[in-house]
Amino acid sequence: MLAGSVTGVWTPAEVRTLGVRTDLVTACEIAYGAKRTKAYELFRRGELDFPAVRVGNRVVVPVSALCQFLGIELEPDHSSRTGTTTTA
């Protein structure tokens, strides 16, 4: 686990802190609760619900695609906290 939760449940904020990309095992742990063997099995079978690309001997997953699959906004909406409003 790279920067994940000690409880095994990732919060949206923790997922966002991964940066631009993450490794296959971390992405599958977040999305499915799967470990290494299952993660690579899903990749080989083409059964992932998000894109994953082999780069050399690693498999990487764009965090933006992982967030989209999980229904997490990549940039959280802070407008309600700052008190800004929009007028038409």
PDB file of N, CA and C in Angstrom:
ATOM      1  N   MET A   1       0.843  -1.164   0.000  1.00  0.00           N
ATOM      2  CA  MET A   1       0.000   0.000   0.000  1.00  0.00           C
ATOM      3  C   MET A   1       0.897   1.238   0.000  1.00  0.00           C
ATOM      4  N   LEU A   2       0.636   2.173  -0.880  1.00  0.00           N
ATOM      5  CA  LEU A   2       1.497   3.341  -0.973  1.00  0.00           C
ATOM      6  C   LEU A   2       1.159   4.394   0.070  1.00  0.00           C
ATOM      7  N   ALA A   3       0.027   5.033  -0.070  1.00  0.00           N
ATOM      8  CA  ALA A   3      -0.340   6.089   0.869  1.00  0.00           C
ATOM      9  C   ALA A   3      -1.721   5.824   1.425  1.00  0.00           C
ATOM     10  N   GLY A   4      -2.124   4.598   1.392  1.00  0.00           N
ATOM     11  CA  GLY A   4      -3.497   4.249   1.695  1.00  0.00           C
ATOM     12  C   GLY A   4      -3.860   4.242   3.153  1.00  0.00           C
ATOM     13  N   SER A   5      -5.084   3.946   3.359  1.00  0.00           N
ATOM     14  CA  SER A   5      -5.650   3.923   4.690  1.00  0.00           C
ATOM     15  C   SER A   5      -5.174   2.697   5.457  1.00  0.00           C
ATOM     16  N   VAL A   6      -4.951   2.861   6.750  1.00  0.00           N
ATOM     17  CA  VAL A   6      -4.566   1.724   7.581  1.00  0.00           C
ATOM     18  C   VAL A   6      -5.753   0.803   7.826  1.00  0.00           C
ATOM     19  N   THR A   7      -6.960   1.292   7.623  1.00  0.00           N
ATOM     20  CA  THR A   7      -8.143   0.465   7.829  1.00  0.00           C
ATOM     21  C   THR A   7      -8.464  -0.385   6.612  1.00  0.00           C
ATOM     22  N   GLY A   8      -7.799  -0.125   5.478  1.00  0.00           N
ATOM     23  CA  GLY A   8      -8.092  -0.862   4.262  1.00  0.00           C
ATOM     24  C   GLY A   8      -9.189  -0.226   3.438  1.00  0.00           C
ATOM     25  N   VAL A   9      -9.809   0.825   3.939  1.00  0.00           N
ATOM     26  CA  VAL A   9     -10.840   1.551   3.206  1.00  0.00           C
ATOM     27  C   VAL A   9     -10.266   2.901   2.818  1.00  0.00           C
ATOM     28  N   TRP A  10     -10.252   3.183   1.540  1.00  0.00           N
ATOM     29  CA  TRP A  10      -9.677   4.428   1.042  1.00  0.00           C
ATOM     30  C   TRP A  10     -10.748   5.506   0.988  1.00  0.00           C
ATOM     31  N   THR A  11     -10.416   6.681   1.481  1.00  0.00           N
ATOM     32  CA  THR A  11     -11.328   7.818   1.390  1.00  0.00           C
ATOM     33  C   THR A  11     -11.083   8.514   0.050  1.00  0.00           C
ATOM     34  N   PRO A  12     -12.059   9.303  -0.433  1.00  0.00           N
ATOM     35  CA  PRO A  12     -11.822  10.063  -1.664  1.00  0.00           C
ATOM     36  C   PRO A  12     -10.576  10.953  -1.578  1.00  0.00           C
ATOM     37  N   ALA A  13     -10.340  11.558  -0.436  1.00  0.00           N
ATOM     38  CA  ALA A  13      -9.163  12.414  -0.275  1.00  0.00           C
ATOM     39  C   ALA A  13      -7.871  11.614  -0.424  1.00  0.00           C
ATOM     40  N   GLU A  14      -7.833  10.412   0.121  1.00  0.00           N
ATOM     41  CA  GLU A  14      -6.639   9.565   0.003  1.00  0.00           C
ATOM     42  C   GLU A  14      -6.405   9.150  -1.447  1.00  0.00           C
ATOM     43  N   VAL A  15      -7.485   8.851  -2.164  1.00  0.00           N
ATOM     44  CA  VAL A  15      -7.339   8.470  -3.576  1.00  0.00           C
ATOM     45  C   VAL A  15      -6.782   9.646  -4.369  1.00  0.00           C
ATOM     46  N   ARG A  16      -7.291  10.846  -4.107  1.00  0.00           N
ATOM     47  CA  ARG A  16      -6.809  12.037  -4.824  1.00  0.00           C
ATOM     48  C   ARG A  16      -5.330  12.305  -4.580  1.00  0.00           C
ATOM     49  N   THR A  17      -4.827  11.947  -3.404  1.00  0.00           N
ATOM     50  CA  THR A  17      -3.421  12.222  -3.084  1.00  0.00           C
ATOM     51  C   THR A  17      -2.448  11.294  -3.814  1.00  0.00           C
ATOM     52  N   LEU A  18      -2.959  10.321  -4.534  1.00  0.00           N
ATOM     53  CA  LEU A  18      -2.081   9.409  -5.271  1.00  0.00           C
ATOM     54  C   LEU A  18      -1.335  10.106  -6.399  1.00  0.00           C
ATOM     55  N   GLY A  19      -1.837  11.235  -6.861  1.00  0.00           N
ATOM     56  CA  GLY A  19      -1.185  11.945  -7.948  1.00  0.00           C
ATOM     57  C   GLY A  19      -1.835  11.638  -9.279  1.00  0.00           C
ATOM     58  N   VAL A  20      -1.037  11.627 -10.323  1.00  0.00           N
ATOM     59  CA  VAL A  20      -1.537  11.444 -11.683  1.00  0.00           C
ATOM     60  C   VAL A  20      -1.796   9.979 -11.997  1.00  0.00           C
ATOM     61  N   ARG A  21      -0.946   9.107 -11.481  1.00  0.00           N
ATOM     62  CA  ARG A  21      -1.089   7.672 -11.780  1.00  0.00           C
ATOM     63  C   ARG A  21      -0.717   6.866 -10.540  1.00  0.00           C
ATOM     64  N   THR A  22      -1.161   5.610 -10.557  1.00  0.00           N
ATOM     65  CA  THR A  22      -0.817   4.686  -9.488  1.00  0.00           C
ATOM     66  C   THR A  22      -0.546   3.323 -10.104  1.00  0.00           C
ATOM     67  N   ASP A  23      -0.074   2.409  -9.306  1.00  0.00           N
ATOM     68  CA  ASP A  23       0.205   1.071  -9.821  1.00  0.00           C
ATOM     69  C   ASP A  23      -1.063   0.214  -9.818  1.00  0.00           C
ATOM     70  N   LEU A  24      -1.031  -0.855 -10.586  1.00  0.00           N
ATOM     71  CA  LEU A  24      -2.189  -1.739 -10.750  1.00  0.00           C
ATOM     72  C   LEU A  24      -2.674  -2.309  -9.428  1.00  0.00           C
ATOM     73  N   VAL A  25      -1.762  -2.762  -8.594  1.00  0.00           N
ATOM     74  CA  VAL A  25      -2.145  -3.406  -7.337  1.00  0.00           C
ATOM     75  C   VAL A  25      -2.878  -2.418  -6.425  1.00  0.00           C
ATOM     76  N   THR A  26      -2.366  -1.199  -6.324  1.00  0.00           N
ATOM     77  CA  THR A  26      -3.025  -0.192  -5.498  1.00  0.00           C
ATOM     78  C   THR A  26      -4.410   0.132  -6.051  1.00  0.00           C
ATOM     79  N   ALA A  27      -4.516   0.307  -7.359  1.00  0.00           N
ATOM     80  CA  ALA A  27      -5.808   0.613  -7.978  1.00  0.00           C
ATOM     81  C   ALA A  27      -6.825  -0.499  -7.729  1.00  0.00           C
ATOM     82  N   CYS A  28      -6.406  -1.745  -7.852  1.00  0.00           N
ATOM     83  CA  CYS A  28      -7.329  -2.862  -7.635  1.00  0.00           C
ATOM     84  C   CYS A  28      -7.684  -3.027  -6.167  1.00  0.00           C
ATOM     85  N   GLU A  29      -6.754  -2.695  -5.291  1.00  0.00           N
ATOM     86  CA  GLU A  29      -7.053  -2.739  -3.865  1.00  0.00           C
ATOM     87  C   GLU A  29      -8.134  -1.707  -3.523  1.00  0.00           C
ATOM     88  N   ILE A  30      -8.010  -0.517  -4.102  1.00  0.00           N
ATOM     89  CA  ILE A  30      -8.985   0.544  -3.866  1.00  0.00           C
ATOM     90  C   ILE A  30     -10.342   0.186  -4.466  1.00  0.00           C
ATOM     91  N   ALA A  31     -10.340  -0.251  -5.721  1.00  0.00           N
ATOM     92  CA  ALA A  31     -11.584  -0.484  -6.454  1.00  0.00           C
ATOM     93  C   ALA A  31     -12.303  -1.765  -6.053  1.00  0.00           C
ATOM     94  N   TYR A  32     -11.551  -2.835  -5.832  1.00  0.00           N
ATOM     95  CA  TYR A  32     -12.173  -4.141  -5.617  1.00  0.00           C
ATOM     96  C   TYR A  32     -11.808  -4.812  -4.290  1.00  0.00           C
ATOM     97  N   GLY A  33     -10.823  -4.281  -3.589  1.00  0.00           N
ATOM     98  CA  GLY A  33     -10.323  -4.960  -2.402  1.00  0.00           C
ATOM     99  C   GLY A  33      -9.460  -6.151  -2.772  1.00  0.00           C
ATOM    100  N   ALA A  34      -8.961  -6.161  -4.026  1.00  0.00           N
ATOM    101  CA  ALA A  34      -8.181  -7.289  -4.541  1.00  0.00           C
ATOM    102  C   ALA A  34      -6.707  -7.121  -4.214  1.00  0.00           C
ATOM    103  N   LYS A  35      -6.037  -8.222  -4.049  1.00  0.00           N
ATOM    104  CA  LYS A  35      -4.598  -8.235  -3.802  1.00  0.00           C
ATOM    105  C   LYS A  35      -3.849  -8.424  -5.125  1.00  0.00           C
ATOM    106  N   ARG A  36      -2.531  -8.590  -5.050  1.00  0.00           N
ATOM    107  CA  ARG A  36      -1.658  -8.619  -6.222  1.00  0.00           C
ATOM    108  C   ARG A  36      -2.046  -9.676  -7.265  1.00  0.00           C
ATOM    109  N   THR A  37      -2.203 -10.917  -6.851  1.00  0.00           N
ATOM    110  CA  THR A  37      -2.496 -11.993  -7.794  1.00  0.00           C
ATOM    111  C   THR A  37      -3.784 -11.730  -8.560  1.00  0.00           C
ATOM    112  N   LYS A  38      -4.840 -11.349  -7.855  1.00  0.00           N
ATOM    113  CA  LYS A  38      -6.130 -11.066  -8.487  1.00  0.00           C
ATOM    114  C   LYS A  38      -6.032  -9.848  -9.397  1.00  0.00           C
ATOM    115  N   ALA A  39      -5.268  -8.847  -8.984  1.00  0.00           N
ATOM    116  CA  ALA A  39      -5.110  -7.634  -9.798  1.00  0.00           C
ATOM    117  C   ALA A  39      -4.502  -7.971 -11.157  1.00  0.00           C
ATOM    118  N   TYR A  40      -3.427  -8.746 -11.169  1.00  0.00           N
ATOM    119  CA  TYR A  40      -2.796  -9.103 -12.438  1.00  0.00           C
ATOM    120  C   TYR A  40      -3.649 -10.068 -13.249  1.00  0.00           C
ATOM    121  N   GLU A  41      -4.419 -10.902 -12.588  1.00  0.00           N
ATOM    122  CA  GLU A  41      -5.345 -11.789 -13.291  1.00  0.00           C
ATOM    123  C   GLU A  41      -6.415 -10.966 -14.019  1.00  0.00           C
ATOM    124  N   LEU A  42      -6.988  -9.997 -13.346  1.00  0.00           N
ATOM    125  CA  LEU A  42      -7.984  -9.118 -13.970  1.00  0.00           C
ATOM    126  C   LEU A  42      -7.380  -8.349 -15.149  1.00  0.00           C
ATOM    127  N   PHE A  43      -6.150  -7.888 -14.993  1.00  0.00           N
ATOM    128  CA  PHE A  43      -5.468  -7.165 -16.068  1.00  0.00           C
ATOM    129  C   PHE A  43      -5.264  -8.070 -17.277  1.00  0.00           C
ATOM    130  N   ARG A  44      -4.743  -9.279 -17.048  1.00  0.00           N
ATOM    131  CA  ARG A  44      -4.490 -10.209 -18.156  1.00  0.00           C
ATOM    132  C   ARG A  44      -5.768 -10.589 -18.890  1.00  0.00           C
ATOM    133  N   ARG A  45      -6.856 -10.723 -18.168  1.00  0.00           N
ATOM    134  CA  ARG A  45      -8.139 -11.090 -18.781  1.00  0.00           C
ATOM    135  C   ARG A  45      -8.870  -9.911 -19.413  1.00  0.00           C
ATOM    136  N   GLY A  46      -8.379  -8.708 -19.188  1.00  0.00           N
ATOM    137  CA  GLY A  46      -9.045  -7.514 -19.714  1.00  0.00           C
ATOM    138  C   GLY A  46     -10.354  -7.226 -19.002  1.00  0.00           C
ATOM    139  N   GLU A  47     -10.437  -7.569 -17.718  1.00  0.00           N
ATOM    140  CA  GLU A  47     -11.679  -7.443 -16.958  1.00  0.00           C
ATOM    141  C   GLU A  47     -11.691  -6.266 -15.982  1.00  0.00           C
ATOM    142  N   LEU A  48     -10.760  -5.334 -16.143  1.00  0.00           N
ATOM    143  CA  LEU A  48     -10.758  -4.157 -15.283  1.00  0.00           C
ATOM    144  C   LEU A  48     -11.824  -3.176 -15.753  1.00  0.00           C
ATOM    145  N   ASP A  49     -12.384  -2.429 -14.838  1.00  0.00           N
ATOM    146  CA  ASP A  49     -13.405  -1.433 -15.174  1.00  0.00           C
ATOM    147  C   ASP A  49     -12.796  -0.047 -15.378  1.00  0.00           C
ATOM    148  N   PHE A  50     -11.487   0.027 -15.508  1.00  0.00           N
ATOM    149  CA  PHE A  50     -10.755   1.272 -15.735  1.00  0.00           C
ATOM    150  C   PHE A  50      -9.525   0.919 -16.560  1.00  0.00           C
ATOM    151  N   PRO A  51      -8.971   1.894 -17.286  1.00  0.00           N
ATOM    152  CA  PRO A  51      -7.810   1.588 -18.123  1.00  0.00           C
ATOM    153  C   PRO A  51      -6.549   1.344 -17.301  1.00  0.00           C
ATOM    154  N   ALA A  52      -5.737   0.431 -17.787  1.00  0.00           N
ATOM    155  CA  ALA A  52      -4.433   0.144 -17.200  1.00  0.00           C
ATOM    156  C   ALA A  52      -3.467  -0.106 -18.355  1.00  0.00           C
ATOM    157  N   VAL A  53      -2.264   0.438 -18.256  1.00  0.00           N
ATOM    158  CA  VAL A  53      -1.302   0.371 -19.347  1.00  0.00           C
ATOM    159  C   VAL A  53       0.016  -0.194 -18.850  1.00  0.00           C
ATOM    160  N   ARG A  54       0.548  -1.142 -19.613  1.00  0.00           N
ATOM    161  CA  ARG A  54       1.863  -1.679 -19.273  1.00  0.00           C
ATOM    162  C   ARG A  54       2.917  -0.680 -19.732  1.00  0.00           C
ATOM    163  N   VAL A  55       3.784  -0.291 -18.817  1.00  0.00           N
ATOM    164  CA  VAL A  55       4.906   0.607 -19.106  1.00  0.00           C
ATOM    165  C   VAL A  55       6.164  -0.108 -18.622  1.00  0.00           C
ATOM    166  N   GLY A  56       6.887  -0.674 -19.558  1.00  0.00           N
ATOM    167  CA  GLY A  56       8.046  -1.494 -19.197  1.00  0.00           C
ATOM    168  C   GLY A  56       7.565  -2.739 -18.467  1.00  0.00           C
ATOM    169  N   ASN A  57       8.055  -2.942 -17.257  1.00  0.00           N
ATOM    170  CA  ASN A  57       7.623  -4.120 -16.493  1.00  0.00           C
ATOM    171  C   ASN A  57       6.574  -3.767 -15.441  1.00  0.00           C
ATOM    172  N   ARG A  58       6.025  -2.544 -15.499  1.00  0.00           N
ATOM    173  CA  ARG A  58       4.995  -2.109 -14.549  1.00  0.00           C
ATOM    174  C   ARG A  58       3.670  -1.908 -15.272  1.00  0.00           C
ATOM    175  N   VAL A  59       2.594  -1.951 -14.520  1.00  0.00           N
ATOM    176  CA  VAL A  59       1.277  -1.626 -15.051  1.00  0.00           C
ATOM    177  C   VAL A  59       0.777  -0.428 -14.264  1.00  0.00           C
ATOM    178  N   VAL A  60       0.440   0.652 -14.982  1.00  0.00           N
ATOM    179  CA  VAL A  60      -0.002   1.874 -14.330  1.00  0.00           C
ATOM    180  C   VAL A  60      -1.452   2.190 -14.682  1.00  0.00           C
ATOM    181  N   VAL A  61      -2.101   2.880 -13.760  1.00  0.00           N
ATOM    182  CA  VAL A  61      -3.512   3.255 -13.901  1.00  0.00           C
ATOM    183  C   VAL A  61      -3.618   4.760 -13.683  1.00  0.00           C
ATOM    184  N   PRO A  62      -4.260   5.481 -14.607  1.00  0.00           N
ATOM    185  CA  PRO A  62      -4.482   6.912 -14.387  1.00  0.00           C
ATOM    186  C   PRO A  62      -5.443   7.120 -13.211  1.00  0.00           C
ATOM    187  N   VAL A  63      -5.067   7.953 -12.270  1.00  0.00           N
ATOM    188  CA  VAL A  63      -5.912   8.203 -11.104  1.00  0.00           C
ATOM    189  C   VAL A  63      -7.227   8.858 -11.528  1.00  0.00           C
ATOM    190  N   SER A  64      -7.203   9.671 -12.581  1.00  0.00           N
ATOM    191  CA  SER A  64      -8.441  10.298 -13.055  1.00  0.00           C
ATOM    192  C   SER A  64      -9.458   9.242 -13.492  1.00  0.00           C
ATOM    193  N   ALA A  65      -9.001   8.202 -14.171  1.00  0.00           N
ATOM    194  CA  ALA A  65      -9.897   7.130 -14.604  1.00  0.00           C
ATOM    195  C   ALA A  65     -10.395   6.313 -13.413  1.00  0.00           C
ATOM    196  N   LEU A  66      -9.523   6.092 -12.440  1.00  0.00           N
ATOM    197  CA  LEU A  66      -9.923   5.366 -11.232  1.00  0.00           C
ATOM    198  C   LEU A  66     -10.985   6.162 -10.478  1.00  0.00           C
ATOM    199  N   CYS A  67     -10.768   7.481 -10.351  1.00  0.00           N
ATOM    200  CA  CYS A  67     -11.762   8.335  -9.685  1.00  0.00           C
ATOM    201  C   CYS A  67     -13.099   8.309 -10.426  1.00  0.00           C
ATOM    202  N   GLN A  68     -13.041   8.353 -11.744  1.00  0.00           N
ATOM    203  CA  GLN A  68     -14.279   8.313 -12.537  1.00  0.00           C
ATOM    204  C   GLN A  68     -15.024   7.008 -12.282  1.00  0.00           C
ATOM    205  N   PHE A  69     -14.312   5.893 -12.276  1.00  0.00           N
ATOM    206  CA  PHE A  69     -14.944   4.595 -12.007  1.00  0.00           C
ATOM    207  C   PHE A  69     -15.578   4.565 -10.613  1.00  0.00           C
ATOM    208  N   LEU A  70     -14.891   5.151  -9.643  1.00  0.00           N
ATOM    209  CA  LEU A  70     -15.378   5.141  -8.260  1.00  0.00           C
ATOM    210  C   LEU A  70     -16.431   6.206  -7.980  1.00  0.00           C
ATOM    211  N   GLY A  71     -16.635   7.118  -8.939  1.00  0.00           N
ATOM    212  CA  GLY A  71     -17.594   8.194  -8.729  1.00  0.00           C
ATOM    213  C   GLY A  71     -17.058   9.287  -7.819  1.00  0.00           C
ATOM    214  N   ILE A  72     -15.746   9.451  -7.809  1.00  0.00           N
ATOM    215  CA  ILE A  72     -15.094  10.463  -6.984  1.00  0.00           C
ATOM    216  C   ILE A  72     -14.727  11.644  -7.874  1.00  0.00           C
ATOM    217  N   GLU A  73     -15.067  12.854  -7.435  1.00  0.00           N
ATOM    218  CA  GLU A  73     -14.650  14.043  -8.168  1.00  0.00           C
ATOM    219  C   GLU A  73     -13.155  14.221  -7.987  1.00  0.00           C
ATOM    220  N   LEU A  74     -12.450  14.406  -9.091  1.00  0.00           N
ATOM    221  CA  LEU A  74     -11.000  14.568  -9.014  1.00  0.00           C
ATOM    222  C   LEU A  74     -10.633  15.849  -8.275  1.00  0.00           C
ATOM    223  N   GLU A  75     -11.371  16.904  -8.512  1.00  0.00           N
ATOM    224  CA  GLU A  75     -11.185  18.166  -7.796  1.00  0.00           C
ATOM    225  C   GLU A  75     -12.439  18.395  -6.966  1.00  0.00           C
ATOM    226  N   PRO A  76     -12.356  18.280  -5.648  1.00  0.00           N
ATOM    227  CA  PRO A  76     -13.556  18.463  -4.829  1.00  0.00           C
ATOM    228  C   PRO A  76     -14.068  19.890  -4.919  1.00  0.00           C
ATOM    229  N   ASP A  77     -15.385  20.049  -4.790  1.00  0.00           N
ATOM    230  CA  ASP A  77     -16.026  21.358  -4.854  1.00  0.00           C
ATOM    231  C   ASP A  77     -15.924  22.019  -3.490  1.00  0.00           C
ATOM    232  N   HIS A  78     -15.151  23.090  -3.409  1.00  0.00           N
ATOM    233  CA  HIS A  78     -14.965  23.803  -2.147  1.00  0.00           C
ATOM    234  C   HIS A  78     -15.809  25.062  -2.060  1.00  0.00           C
ATOM    235  N   SER A  79     -16.671  25.322  -3.048  1.00  0.00           N
ATOM    236  CA  SER A  79     -17.407  26.586  -3.074  1.00  0.00           C
ATOM    237  C   SER A  79     -18.333  26.745  -1.875  1.00  0.00           C
ATOM    238  N   SER A  80     -18.876  25.653  -1.347  1.00  0.00           N
ATOM    239  CA  SER A  80     -19.775  25.765  -0.204  1.00  0.00           C
ATOM    240  C   SER A  80     -19.023  26.153   1.061  1.00  0.00           C
ATOM    241  N   ARG A  81     -17.735  25.794   1.148  1.00  0.00           N
ATOM    242  CA  ARG A  81     -16.940  26.132   2.327  1.00  0.00           C
ATOM    243  C   ARG A  81     -16.450  27.581   2.305  1.00  0.00           C
ATOM    244  N   THR A  82     -16.214  28.104   1.104  1.00  0.00           N
ATOM    245  CA  THR A  82     -15.665  29.456   1.023  1.00  0.00           C
ATOM    246  C   THR A  82     -16.757  30.513   1.035  1.00  0.00           C
ATOM    247  N   GLY A  83     -17.985  30.077   0.859  1.00  0.00           N
ATOM    248  CA  GLY A  83     -19.086  31.023   0.892  1.00  0.00           C
ATOM    249  C   GLY A  83     -19.328  31.715  -0.430  1.00  0.00           C
ATOM    250  N   THR A  84     -18.638  31.292  -1.483  1.00  0.00           N
ATOM    251  CA  THR A  84     -18.857  31.921  -2.783  1.00  0.00           C
ATOM    252  C   THR A  84     -20.125  31.399  -3.398  1.00  0.00           C
ATOM    253  N   THR A  85     -20.807  32.281  -4.071  1.00  0.00           N
ATOM    254  CA  THR A  85     -22.039  31.899  -4.753  1.00  0.00           C
ATOM    255  C   THR A  85     -21.966  32.388  -6.186  1.00  0.00           C
ATOM    256  N   THR A  86     -22.722  31.754  -7.022  1.00  0.00           N
ATOM    257  CA  THR A  86     -22.788  32.190  -8.407  1.00  0.00           C
ATOM    258  C   THR A  86     -24.156  32.789  -8.666  1.00  0.00           C
ATOM    259  N   THR A  87     -24.174  33.818  -9.457  1.00  0.00           N
ATOM    260  CA  THR A  87     -25.449  34.443  -9.797  1.00  0.00           C
ATOM    261  C   THR A  87     -25.652  34.353 -11.301  1.00  0.00           C
ATOM    262  N   ALA A  88     -26.899  34.241 -11.676  1.00  0.00           N
ATOM    263  CA  ALA A  88     -27.206  34.102 -13.101  1.00  0.00           C
ATOM    264  C   ALA A  88     -27.550  35.441 -13.707  1.00  0.00           C
TER     265      ALA A  88
END
